[in-house]
Amino acid sequence: LSPEDTAVYYCAARTGDFVRYDVEDYDVWGQGTQVTVSS
């Protein structure tokens, strides 16, 4: 891990066959979990 990885991480789900890269392509989201990486 590096400080650049610091973020809130979200889990998402979508129907369909393939992984998509845009937020708009996912139907369901979690509330997020904070990851903080110190240098």
PDB file of all heavy atoms in Angstrom:
ATOM      1  N   LEU A   1       0.825  -1.201   0.000  1.00  0.00           N
ATOM      2  CA  LEU A   1       0.000   0.000   0.000  1.00  0.00           C
ATOM      3  C   LEU A   1       0.867   1.262   0.000  1.00  0.00           C
ATOM      4  O   LEU A   1       1.956   1.285   0.595  1.00  0.00           O
ATOM      5  CB  LEU A   1      -0.923   0.008   1.204  1.00  0.00           C
ATOM      6  CG  LEU A   1      -2.127  -0.948   1.103  1.00  0.00           C
ATOM      7  CD1 LEU A   1      -2.739  -1.194   2.473  1.00  0.00           C
ATOM      8  CD2 LEU A   1      -3.163  -0.382   0.143  1.00  0.00           C
ATOM      9  N   SER A   2       0.368   2.283  -0.660  1.00  0.00           N
ATOM     10  CA  SER A   2       1.034   3.578  -0.698  1.00  0.00           C
ATOM     11  C   SER A   2       0.033   4.659  -0.297  1.00  0.00           C
ATOM     12  O   SER A   2      -1.175   4.432  -0.346  1.00  0.00           O
ATOM     13  CB  SER A   2       1.588   3.861  -2.089  1.00  0.00           C
ATOM     14  OG  SER A   2       0.534   4.162  -2.983  1.00  0.00           O
ATOM     15  N   PRO A   3       0.526   5.835   0.104  1.00  0.00           N
ATOM     16  CA  PRO A   3      -0.416   6.918   0.460  1.00  0.00           C
ATOM     17  C   PRO A   3      -1.392   7.259  -0.657  1.00  0.00           C
ATOM     18  O   PRO A   3      -2.515   7.711  -0.378  1.00  0.00           O
ATOM     19  CB  PRO A   3       0.527   8.082   0.756  1.00  0.00           C
ATOM     20  CG  PRO A   3       1.771   7.431   1.256  1.00  0.00           C
ATOM     21  CD  PRO A   3       1.911   6.187   0.413  1.00  0.00           C
ATOM     22  N   GLU A   4      -0.994   7.003  -1.908  1.00  0.00           N
ATOM     23  CA  GLU A   4      -1.890   7.272  -3.045  1.00  0.00           C
ATOM     24  C   GLU A   4      -3.106   6.348  -3.059  1.00  0.00           C
ATOM     25  O   GLU A   4      -4.067   6.596  -3.782  1.00  0.00           O
ATOM     26  CB  GLU A   4      -1.138   7.142  -4.365  1.00  0.00           C
ATOM     27  CG  GLU A   4      -0.132   8.265  -4.656  1.00  0.00           C
ATOM     28  CD  GLU A   4       1.062   8.239  -3.724  1.00  0.00           C
ATOM     29  OE1 GLU A   4       1.498   7.120  -3.342  1.00  0.00           O
ATOM     30  OE2 GLU A   4       1.562   9.328  -3.368  1.00  0.00           O
ATOM     31  N   ASP A   5      -3.072   5.280  -2.271  1.00  0.00           N
ATOM     32  CA  ASP A   5      -4.213   4.364  -2.179  1.00  0.00           C
ATOM     33  C   ASP A   5      -5.238   4.831  -1.155  1.00  0.00           C
ATOM     34  O   ASP A   5      -6.297   4.200  -1.014  1.00  0.00           O
ATOM     35  CB  ASP A   5      -3.733   2.965  -1.805  1.00  0.00           C
ATOM     36  CG  ASP A   5      -2.839   2.345  -2.866  1.00  0.00           C
ATOM     37  OD1 ASP A   5      -3.176   2.456  -4.060  1.00  0.00           O
ATOM     38  OD2 ASP A   5      -1.799   1.769  -2.497  1.00  0.00           O
ATOM     39  N   THR A   6      -4.938   5.893  -0.443  1.00  0.00           N
ATOM     40  CA  THR A   6      -5.880   6.408   0.551  1.00  0.00           C
ATOM     41  C   THR A   6      -7.177   6.847  -0.129  1.00  0.00           C
ATOM     42  O   THR A   6      -7.161   7.650  -1.070  1.00  0.00           O
ATOM     43  CB  THR A   6      -5.258   7.595   1.303  1.00  0.00           C
ATOM     44  OG1 THR A   6      -4.152   7.126   2.074  1.00  0.00           O
ATOM     45  CG2 THR A   6      -6.281   8.242   2.234  1.00  0.00           C
ATOM     46  N   ALA A   7      -8.285   6.301   0.328  1.00  0.00           N
ATOM     47  CA  ALA A   7      -9.580   6.582  -0.285  1.00  0.00           C
ATOM     48  C   ALA A   7     -10.667   5.851   0.496  1.00  0.00           C
ATOM     49  O   ALA A   7     -10.371   4.984   1.328  1.00  0.00           O
ATOM     50  CB  ALA A   7      -9.613   6.129  -1.742  1.00  0.00           C
ATOM     51  N   VAL A   8     -11.904   6.187   0.172  1.00  0.00           N
ATOM     52  CA  VAL A   8     -13.026   5.351   0.597  1.00  0.00           C
ATOM     53  C   VAL A   8     -13.227   4.312  -0.498  1.00  0.00           C
ATOM     54  O   VAL A   8     -13.332   4.660  -1.677  1.00  0.00           O
ATOM     55  CB  VAL A   8     -14.310   6.175   0.795  1.00  0.00           C
ATOM     56  CG1 VAL A   8     -15.471   5.253   1.161  1.00  0.00           C
ATOM     57  CG2 VAL A   8     -14.103   7.238   1.867  1.00  0.00           C
ATOM     58  N   TYR A   9     -13.267   3.054  -0.096  1.00  0.00           N
ATOM     59  CA  TYR A   9     -13.410   1.963  -1.044  1.00  0.00           C
ATOM     60  C   TYR A   9     -14.845   1.451  -1.026  1.00  0.00           C
ATOM     61  O   TYR A   9     -15.399   1.173   0.050  1.00  0.00           O
ATOM     62  CB  TYR A   9     -12.433   0.842  -0.711  1.00  0.00           C
ATOM     63  CG  TYR A   9     -11.023   1.168  -1.137  1.00  0.00           C
ATOM     64  CD1 TYR A   9     -10.280   2.120  -0.466  1.00  0.00           C
ATOM     65  CD2 TYR A   9     -10.443   0.533  -2.232  1.00  0.00           C
ATOM     66  CE1 TYR A   9      -8.991   2.444  -0.867  1.00  0.00           C
ATOM     67  CE2 TYR A   9      -9.151   0.843  -2.640  1.00  0.00           C
ATOM     68  CZ  TYR A   9      -8.442   1.806  -1.962  1.00  0.00           C
ATOM     69  OH  TYR A   9      -7.161   2.125  -2.370  1.00  0.00           O
ATOM     70  N   TYR A  10     -15.410   1.331  -2.224  1.00  0.00           N
ATOM     71  CA  TYR A  10     -16.791   0.904  -2.381  1.00  0.00           C
ATOM     72  C   TYR A  10     -16.872  -0.410  -3.143  1.00  0.00           C
ATOM     73  O   TYR A  10     -16.162  -0.603  -4.137  1.00  0.00           O
ATOM     74  CB  TYR A  10     -17.589   1.947  -3.165  1.00  0.00           C
ATOM     75  CG  TYR A  10     -17.719   3.288  -2.475  1.00  0.00           C
ATOM     76  CD1 TYR A  10     -16.774   4.288  -2.681  1.00  0.00           C
ATOM     77  CD2 TYR A  10     -18.798   3.553  -1.630  1.00  0.00           C
ATOM     78  CE1 TYR A  10     -16.892   5.516  -2.055  1.00  0.00           C
ATOM     79  CE2 TYR A  10     -18.922   4.784  -1.000  1.00  0.00           C
ATOM     80  CZ  TYR A  10     -17.970   5.753  -1.224  1.00  0.00           C
ATOM     81  OH  TYR A  10     -18.087   6.978  -0.600  1.00  0.00           O
ATOM     82  N   CYS A  11     -17.775  -1.248  -2.702  1.00  0.00           N
ATOM     83  CA  CYS A  11     -18.126  -2.471  -3.395  1.00  0.00           C
ATOM     84  C   CYS A  11     -19.343  -2.173  -4.275  1.00  0.00           C
ATOM     85  O   CYS A  11     -20.241  -1.421  -3.864  1.00  0.00           O
ATOM     86  CB  CYS A  11     -18.455  -3.538  -2.352  1.00  0.00           C
ATOM     87  SG  CYS A  11     -19.109  -5.071  -2.968  1.00  0.00           S
ATOM     88  N   ALA A  12     -19.378  -2.746  -5.478  1.00  0.00           N
ATOM     89  CA  ALA A  12     -20.483  -2.497  -6.392  1.00  0.00           C
ATOM     90  C   ALA A  12     -20.844  -3.768  -7.145  1.00  0.00           C
ATOM     91  O   ALA A  12     -19.994  -4.628  -7.370  1.00  0.00           O
ATOM     92  CB  ALA A  12     -20.109  -1.390  -7.381  1.00  0.00           C
ATOM     93  N   ALA A  13     -22.109  -3.837  -7.563  1.00  0.00           N
ATOM     94  CA  ALA A  13     -22.593  -4.999  -8.302  1.00  0.00           C
ATOM     95  C   ALA A  13     -23.393  -4.542  -9.512  1.00  0.00           C
ATOM     96  O   ALA A  13     -24.039  -3.497  -9.484  1.00  0.00           O
ATOM     97  CB  ALA A  13     -23.466  -5.871  -7.401  1.00  0.00           C
ATOM     98  N   ARG A  14     -23.331  -5.355 -10.560  1.00  0.00           N
ATOM     99  CA  ARG A  14     -24.134  -5.077 -11.738  1.00  0.00           C
ATOM    100  C   ARG A  14     -24.597  -6.387 -12.356  1.00  0.00           C
ATOM    101  O   ARG A  14     -23.953  -7.434 -12.187  1.00  0.00           O
ATOM    102  CB  ARG A  14     -23.349  -4.280 -12.790  1.00  0.00           C
ATOM    103  CG  ARG A  14     -22.202  -5.016 -13.429  1.00  0.00           C
ATOM    104  CD  ARG A  14     -21.478  -4.119 -14.446  1.00  0.00           C
ATOM    105  NE  ARG A  14     -22.337  -3.735 -15.555  1.00  0.00           N
ATOM    106  CZ  ARG A  14     -22.479  -4.434 -16.675  1.00  0.00           C
ATOM    107  NH1 ARG A  14     -21.801  -5.546 -16.857  1.00  0.00           N
ATOM    108  NH2 ARG A  14     -23.279  -3.988 -17.635  1.00  0.00           N
ATOM    109  N   THR A  15     -25.717  -6.338 -13.026  1.00  0.00           N
ATOM    110  CA  THR A  15     -26.136  -7.468 -13.836  1.00  0.00           C
ATOM    111  C   THR A  15     -25.448  -7.353 -15.180  1.00  0.00           C
ATOM    112  O   THR A  15     -24.996  -6.282 -15.572  1.00  0.00           O
ATOM    113  CB  THR A  15     -27.658  -7.481 -14.020  1.00  0.00           C
ATOM    114  OG1 THR A  15     -28.072  -6.215 -14.555  1.00  0.00           O
ATOM    115  CG2 THR A  15     -28.360  -7.709 -12.689  1.00  0.00           C
ATOM    116  N   GLY A  16     -25.329  -8.464 -15.869  1.00  0.00           N
ATOM    117  CA  GLY A  16     -24.622  -8.436 -17.138  1.00  0.00           C
ATOM    118  C   GLY A  16     -23.473  -9.419 -17.120  1.00  0.00           C
ATOM    119  O   GLY A  16     -23.262 -10.140 -16.143  1.00  0.00           O
ATOM    120  N   ASP A  17     -22.736  -9.447 -18.204  1.00  0.00           N
ATOM    121  CA  ASP A  17     -21.712 -10.472 -18.387  1.00  0.00           C
ATOM    122  C   ASP A  17     -20.290 -10.007 -18.083  1.00  0.00           C
ATOM    123  O   ASP A  17     -19.439 -10.815 -17.737  1.00  0.00           O
ATOM    124  CB  ASP A  17     -21.751 -11.000 -19.819  1.00  0.00           C
ATOM    125  CG  ASP A  17     -23.060 -11.735 -20.108  1.00  0.00           C
ATOM    126  OD1 ASP A  17     -23.638 -12.290 -19.153  1.00  0.00           O
ATOM    127  OD2 ASP A  17     -23.485 -11.746 -21.274  1.00  0.00           O
ATOM    128  N   PHE A  18     -20.041  -8.724 -18.241  1.00  0.00           N
ATOM    129  CA  PHE A  18     -18.656  -8.278 -18.232  1.00  0.00           C
ATOM    130  C   PHE A  18     -18.400  -7.155 -17.236  1.00  0.00           C
ATOM    131  O   PHE A  18     -19.297  -6.413 -16.873  1.00  0.00           O
ATOM    132  CB  PHE A  18     -18.240  -7.797 -19.630  1.00  0.00           C
ATOM    133  CG  PHE A  18     -18.409  -8.843 -20.689  1.00  0.00           C
ATOM    134  CD1 PHE A  18     -19.427  -8.750 -21.620  1.00  0.00           C
ATOM    135  CD2 PHE A  18     -17.559  -9.941 -20.744  1.00  0.00           C
ATOM    136  CE1 PHE A  18     -19.596  -9.722 -22.593  1.00  0.00           C
ATOM    137  CE2 PHE A  18     -17.728 -10.915 -21.709  1.00  0.00           C
ATOM    138  CZ  PHE A  18     -18.740 -10.803 -22.641  1.00  0.00           C
ATOM    139  N   VAL A  19     -17.159  -7.056 -16.816  1.00  0.00           N
ATOM    140  CA  VAL A  19     -16.739  -5.955 -15.965  1.00  0.00           C
ATOM    141  C   VAL A  19     -16.807  -4.659 -16.767  1.00  0.00           C
ATOM    142  O   VAL A  19     -16.385  -4.604 -17.919  1.00  0.00           O
ATOM    143  CB  VAL A  19     -15.306  -6.184 -15.456  1.00  0.00           C
ATOM    144  CG1 VAL A  19     -14.804  -4.953 -14.697  1.00  0.00           C
ATOM    145  CG2 VAL A  19     -15.241  -7.416 -14.572  1.00  0.00           C
ATOM    146  N   ARG A  20     -17.373  -3.624 -16.141  1.00  0.00           N
ATOM    147  CA  ARG A  20     -17.399  -2.289 -16.730  1.00  0.00           C
ATOM    148  C   ARG A  20     -16.622  -1.354 -15.819  1.00  0.00           C
ATOM    149  O   ARG A  20     -16.443  -1.625 -14.633  1.00  0.00           O
ATOM    150  CB  ARG A  20     -18.832  -1.803 -16.877  1.00  0.00           C
ATOM    151  CG  ARG A  20     -19.706  -2.719 -17.720  1.00  0.00           C
ATOM    152  CD  ARG A  20     -19.491  -2.541 -19.193  1.00  0.00           C
ATOM    153  NE  ARG A  20     -20.424  -3.348 -19.981  1.00  0.00           N
ATOM    154  CZ  ARG A  20     -20.403  -3.423 -21.301  1.00  0.00           C
ATOM    155  NH1 ARG A  20     -19.495  -2.739 -21.990  1.00  0.00           N
ATOM    156  NH2 ARG A  20     -21.269  -4.172 -21.935  1.00  0.00           N
ATOM    157  N   TYR A  21     -16.207  -0.209 -16.378  1.00  0.00           N
ATOM    158  CA  TYR A  21     -15.308   0.647 -15.630  1.00  0.00           C
ATOM    159  C   TYR A  21     -15.938   1.943 -15.128  1.00  0.00           C
ATOM    160  O   TYR A  21     -15.289   2.717 -14.434  1.00  0.00           O
ATOM    161  CB  TYR A  21     -14.097   0.981 -16.496  1.00  0.00           C
ATOM    162  CG  TYR A  21     -13.439  -0.246 -17.074  1.00  0.00           C
ATOM    163  CD1 TYR A  21     -13.402  -0.466 -18.452  1.00  0.00           C
ATOM    164  CD2 TYR A  21     -12.873  -1.197 -16.230  1.00  0.00           C
ATOM    165  CE1 TYR A  21     -12.804  -1.596 -18.971  1.00  0.00           C
ATOM    166  CE2 TYR A  21     -12.281  -2.333 -16.745  1.00  0.00           C
ATOM    167  CZ  TYR A  21     -12.247  -2.525 -18.121  1.00  0.00           C
ATOM    168  OH  TYR A  21     -11.660  -3.653 -18.631  1.00  0.00           O
ATOM    169  N   ASP A  22     -17.188   2.182 -15.496  1.00  0.00           N
ATOM    170  CA  ASP A  22     -17.847   3.431 -15.142  1.00  0.00           C
ATOM    171  C   ASP A  22     -18.820   3.236 -13.983  1.00  0.00           C
ATOM    172  O   ASP A  22     -19.529   2.220 -13.913  1.00  0.00           O
ATOM    173  CB  ASP A  22     -18.600   4.006 -16.341  1.00  0.00           C
ATOM    174  CG  ASP A  22     -17.673   4.445 -17.444  1.00  0.00           C
ATOM    175  OD1 ASP A  22     -16.521   4.817 -17.130  1.00  0.00           O
ATOM    176  OD2 ASP A  22     -18.079   4.403 -18.619  1.00  0.00           O
ATOM    177  N   VAL A  23     -18.895   4.241 -13.127  1.00  0.00           N
ATOM    178  CA  VAL A  23     -19.806   4.213 -11.991  1.00  0.00           C
ATOM    179  C   VAL A  23     -21.242   3.962 -12.450  1.00  0.00           C
ATOM    180  O   VAL A  23     -21.992   3.208 -11.813  1.00  0.00           O
ATOM    181  CB  VAL A  23     -19.704   5.538 -11.220  1.00  0.00           C
ATOM    182  CG1 VAL A  23     -20.813   5.668 -10.195  1.00  0.00           C
ATOM    183  CG2 VAL A  23     -18.337   5.684 -10.573  1.00  0.00           C
ATOM    184  N   GLU A  24     -21.618   4.565 -13.574  1.00  0.00           N
ATOM    185  CA  GLU A  24     -22.999   4.485 -14.057  1.00  0.00           C
ATOM    186  C   GLU A  24     -23.406   3.070 -14.463  1.00  0.00           C
ATOM    187  O   GLU A  24     -24.585   2.785 -14.598  1.00  0.00           O
ATOM    188  CB  GLU A  24     -23.181   5.415 -15.260  1.00  0.00           C
ATOM    189  CG  GLU A  24     -23.061   6.898 -14.952  1.00  0.00           C
ATOM    190  CD  GLU A  24     -21.628   7.348 -14.738  1.00  0.00           C
ATOM    191  OE1 GLU A  24     -20.694   6.613 -15.136  1.00  0.00           O
ATOM    192  OE2 GLU A  24     -21.437   8.434 -14.155  1.00  0.00           O
ATOM    193  N   ASP A  25     -22.463   2.195 -14.656  1.00  0.00           N
ATOM    194  CA  ASP A  25     -22.760   0.830 -15.101  1.00  0.00           C
ATOM    195  C   ASP A  25     -23.123  -0.105 -13.958  1.00  0.00           C
ATOM    196  O   ASP A  25     -23.470  -1.259 -14.205  1.00  0.00           O
ATOM    197  CB  ASP A  25     -21.569   0.249 -15.857  1.00  0.00           C
ATOM    198  CG  ASP A  25     -21.356   0.938 -17.196  1.00  0.00           C
ATOM    199  OD1 ASP A  25     -22.362   1.245 -17.863  1.00  0.00           O
ATOM    200  OD2 ASP A  25     -20.186   1.188 -17.550  1.00  0.00           O
ATOM    201  N   TYR A  26     -23.042   0.352 -12.724  1.00  0.00           N
ATOM    202  CA  TYR A  26     -23.295  -0.496 -11.568  1.00  0.00           C
ATOM    203  C   TYR A  26     -24.586  -0.096 -10.876  1.00  0.00           C
ATOM    204  O   TYR A  26     -24.883   1.080 -10.714  1.00  0.00           O
ATOM    205  CB  TYR A  26     -22.099  -0.458 -10.609  1.00  0.00           C
ATOM    206  CG  TYR A  26     -20.929  -1.201 -11.204  1.00  0.00           C
ATOM    207  CD1 TYR A  26     -20.119  -0.589 -12.162  1.00  0.00           C
ATOM    208  CD2 TYR A  26     -20.682  -2.526 -10.875  1.00  0.00           C
ATOM    209  CE1 TYR A  26     -19.081  -1.296 -12.760  1.00  0.00           C
ATOM    210  CE2 TYR A  26     -19.633  -3.228 -11.456  1.00  0.00           C
ATOM    211  CZ  TYR A  26     -18.840  -2.601 -12.407  1.00  0.00           C
ATOM    212  OH  TYR A  26     -17.825  -3.294 -13.000  1.00  0.00           O
ATOM    213  N   ASP A  27     -25.346  -1.133 -10.481  1.00  0.00           N
ATOM    214  CA  ASP A  27     -26.703  -0.928  -9.970  1.00  0.00           C
ATOM    215  C   ASP A  27     -26.768  -0.796  -8.451  1.00  0.00           C
ATOM    216  O   ASP A  27     -27.652  -0.125  -7.921  1.00  0.00           O
ATOM    217  CB  ASP A  27     -27.594  -2.120 -10.376  1.00  0.00           C
ATOM    218  CG  ASP A  27     -27.513  -2.417 -11.854  1.00  0.00           C
ATOM    219  OD1 ASP A  27     -27.762  -1.493 -12.644  1.00  0.00           O
ATOM    220  OD2 ASP A  27     -27.215  -3.583 -12.209  1.00  0.00           O
ATOM    221  N   VAL A  28     -25.862  -1.465  -7.776  1.00  0.00           N
ATOM    222  CA  VAL A  28     -25.931  -1.569  -6.320  1.00  0.00           C
ATOM    223  C   VAL A  28     -24.582  -1.178  -5.735  1.00  0.00           C
ATOM    224  O   VAL A  28     -23.546  -1.604  -6.252  1.00  0.00           O
ATOM    225  CB  VAL A  28     -26.301  -2.991  -5.870  1.00  0.00           C
ATOM    226  CG1 VAL A  28     -26.499  -3.037  -4.357  1.00  0.00           C
ATOM    227  CG2 VAL A  28     -27.553  -3.478  -6.590  1.00  0.00           C
ATOM    228  N   TRP A  29     -24.629  -0.418  -4.648  1.00  0.00           N
ATOM    229  CA  TRP A  29     -23.405   0.064  -4.012  1.00  0.00           C
ATOM    230  C   TRP A  29     -23.463  -0.161  -2.502  1.00  0.00           C
ATOM    231  O   TRP A  29     -24.537  -0.080  -1.895  1.00  0.00           O
ATOM    232  CB  TRP A  29     -23.218   1.558  -4.271  1.00  0.00           C
ATOM    233  CG  TRP A  29     -22.933   1.865  -5.701  1.00  0.00           C
ATOM    234  CD1 TRP A  29     -23.842   2.030  -6.706  1.00  0.00           C
ATOM    235  CD2 TRP A  29     -21.643   2.012  -6.291  1.00  0.00           C
ATOM    236  NE1 TRP A  29     -23.200   2.286  -7.891  1.00  0.00           N
ATOM    237  CE2 TRP A  29     -21.839   2.278  -7.665  1.00  0.00           C
ATOM    238  CE3 TRP A  29     -20.335   1.957  -5.809  1.00  0.00           C
ATOM    239  CZ2 TRP A  29     -20.779   2.487  -8.555  1.00  0.00           C
ATOM    240  CZ3 TRP A  29     -19.286   2.166  -6.689  1.00  0.00           C
ATOM    241  CH2 TRP A  29     -19.511   2.428  -8.045  1.00  0.00           C
ATOM    242  N   GLY A  30     -22.295  -0.408  -1.931  1.00  0.00           N
ATOM    243  CA  GLY A  30     -22.180  -0.415  -0.484  1.00  0.00           C
ATOM    244  C   GLY A  30     -21.970   0.995   0.042  1.00  0.00           C
ATOM    245  O   GLY A  30     -21.923   1.958  -0.724  1.00  0.00           O
ATOM    246  N   GLN A  31     -21.818   1.085   1.360  1.00  0.00           N
ATOM    247  CA  GLN A  31     -21.682   2.402   1.988  1.00  0.00           C
ATOM    248  C   GLN A  31     -20.240   2.887   2.008  1.00  0.00           C
ATOM    249  O   GLN A  31     -19.975   4.057   2.295  1.00  0.00           O
ATOM    250  CB  GLN A  31     -22.233   2.351   3.418  1.00  0.00           C
ATOM    251  CG  GLN A  31     -21.275   1.823   4.474  1.00  0.00           C
ATOM    252  CD  GLN A  31     -20.955   0.343   4.334  1.00  0.00           C
ATOM    253  OE1 GLN A  31     -21.673  -0.396   3.654  1.00  0.00           O
ATOM    254  NE2 GLN A  31     -19.887  -0.099   4.977  1.00  0.00           N
ATOM    255  N   GLY A  32     -19.302   1.979   1.722  1.00  0.00           N
ATOM    256  CA  GLY A  32     -17.893   2.359   1.664  1.00  0.00           C
ATOM    257  C   GLY A  32     -17.150   2.096   2.950  1.00  0.00           C
ATOM    258  O   GLY A  32     -17.738   2.080   4.036  1.00  0.00           O
ATOM    259  N   THR A  33     -15.852   1.883   2.825  1.00  0.00           N
ATOM    260  CA  THR A  33     -14.981   1.722   3.985  1.00  0.00           C
ATOM    261  C   THR A  33     -13.713   2.521   3.746  1.00  0.00           C
ATOM    262  O   THR A  33     -13.148   2.492   2.649  1.00  0.00           O
ATOM    263  CB  THR A  33     -14.678   0.229   4.245  1.00  0.00           C
ATOM    264  OG1 THR A  33     -13.927   0.099   5.454  1.00  0.00           O
ATOM    265  CG2 THR A  33     -13.911  -0.419   3.102  1.00  0.00           C
ATOM    266  N   GLN A  34     -13.277   3.245   4.757  1.00  0.00           N
ATOM    267  CA  GLN A  34     -12.135   4.146   4.622  1.00  0.00           C
ATOM    268  C   GLN A  34     -10.820   3.376   4.742  1.00  0.00           C
ATOM    269  O   GLN A  34     -10.619   2.600   5.687  1.00  0.00           O
ATOM    270  CB  GLN A  34     -12.180   5.227   5.691  1.00  0.00           C
ATOM    271  CG  GLN A  34     -10.985   6.165   5.705  1.00  0.00           C
ATOM    272  CD  GLN A  34     -10.963   7.104   4.517  1.00  0.00           C
ATOM    273  OE1 GLN A  34     -11.970   7.730   4.210  1.00  0.00           O
ATOM    274  NE2 GLN A  34      -9.810   7.219   3.850  1.00  0.00           N
ATOM    275  N   VAL A  35      -9.939   3.623   3.797  1.00  0.00           N
ATOM    276  CA  VAL A  35      -8.572   3.108   3.855  1.00  0.00           C
ATOM    277  C   VAL A  35      -7.629   4.309   3.873  1.00  0.00           C
ATOM    278  O   VAL A  35      -7.694   5.165   2.984  1.00  0.00           O
ATOM    279  CB  VAL A  35      -8.254   2.204   2.642  1.00  0.00           C
ATOM    280  CG1 VAL A  35      -6.776   1.852   2.616  1.00  0.00           C
ATOM    281  CG2 VAL A  35      -9.108   0.952   2.681  1.00  0.00           C
ATOM    282  N   THR A  36      -6.802   4.388   4.891  1.00  0.00           N
ATOM    283  CA  THR A  36      -5.848   5.479   5.019  1.00  0.00           C
ATOM    284  C   THR A  36      -4.443   4.892   5.132  1.00  0.00           C
ATOM    285  O   THR A  36      -4.194   4.042   5.998  1.00  0.00           O
ATOM    286  CB  THR A  36      -6.146   6.343   6.252  1.00  0.00           C
ATOM    287  OG1 THR A  36      -7.480   6.846   6.159  1.00  0.00           O
ATOM    288  CG2 THR A  36      -5.174   7.511   6.337  1.00  0.00           C
ATOM    289  N   VAL A  37      -3.570   5.335   4.254  1.00  0.00           N
ATOM    290  CA  VAL A  37      -2.200   4.836   4.243  1.00  0.00           C
ATOM    291  C   VAL A  37      -1.262   5.988   4.564  1.00  0.00           C
ATOM    292  O   VAL A  37      -1.250   7.001   3.856  1.00  0.00           O
ATOM    293  CB  VAL A  37      -1.835   4.223   2.884  1.00  0.00           C
ATOM    294  CG1 VAL A  37      -0.431   3.615   2.936  1.00  0.00           C
ATOM    295  CG2 VAL A  37      -2.849   3.164   2.474  1.00  0.00           C
ATOM    296  N   SER A  38      -0.509   5.828   5.630  1.00  0.00           N
ATOM    297  CA  SER A  38       0.414   6.877   6.045  1.00  0.00           C
ATOM    298  C   SER A  38       1.810   6.611   5.505  1.00  0.00           C
ATOM    299  O   SER A  38       2.210   5.455   5.331  1.00  0.00           O
ATOM    300  CB  SER A  38       0.458   6.967   7.573  1.00  0.00           C
ATOM    301  OG  SER A  38       0.927   5.747   8.114  1.00  0.00           O
ATOM    302  N   SER A  39       2.538   7.677   5.256  1.00  0.00           N
ATOM    303  CA  SER A  39       3.892   7.535   4.704  1.00  0.00           C
ATOM    304  C   SER A  39       4.927   7.350   5.803  1.00  0.00           C
ATOM    305  O   SER A  39       4.650   7.515   6.974  1.00  0.00           O
ATOM    306  CB  SER A  39       4.238   8.762   3.867  1.00  0.00           C
ATOM    307  OG  SER A  39       4.129   9.923   4.643  1.00  0.00           O
TER     308      SER A  39
END
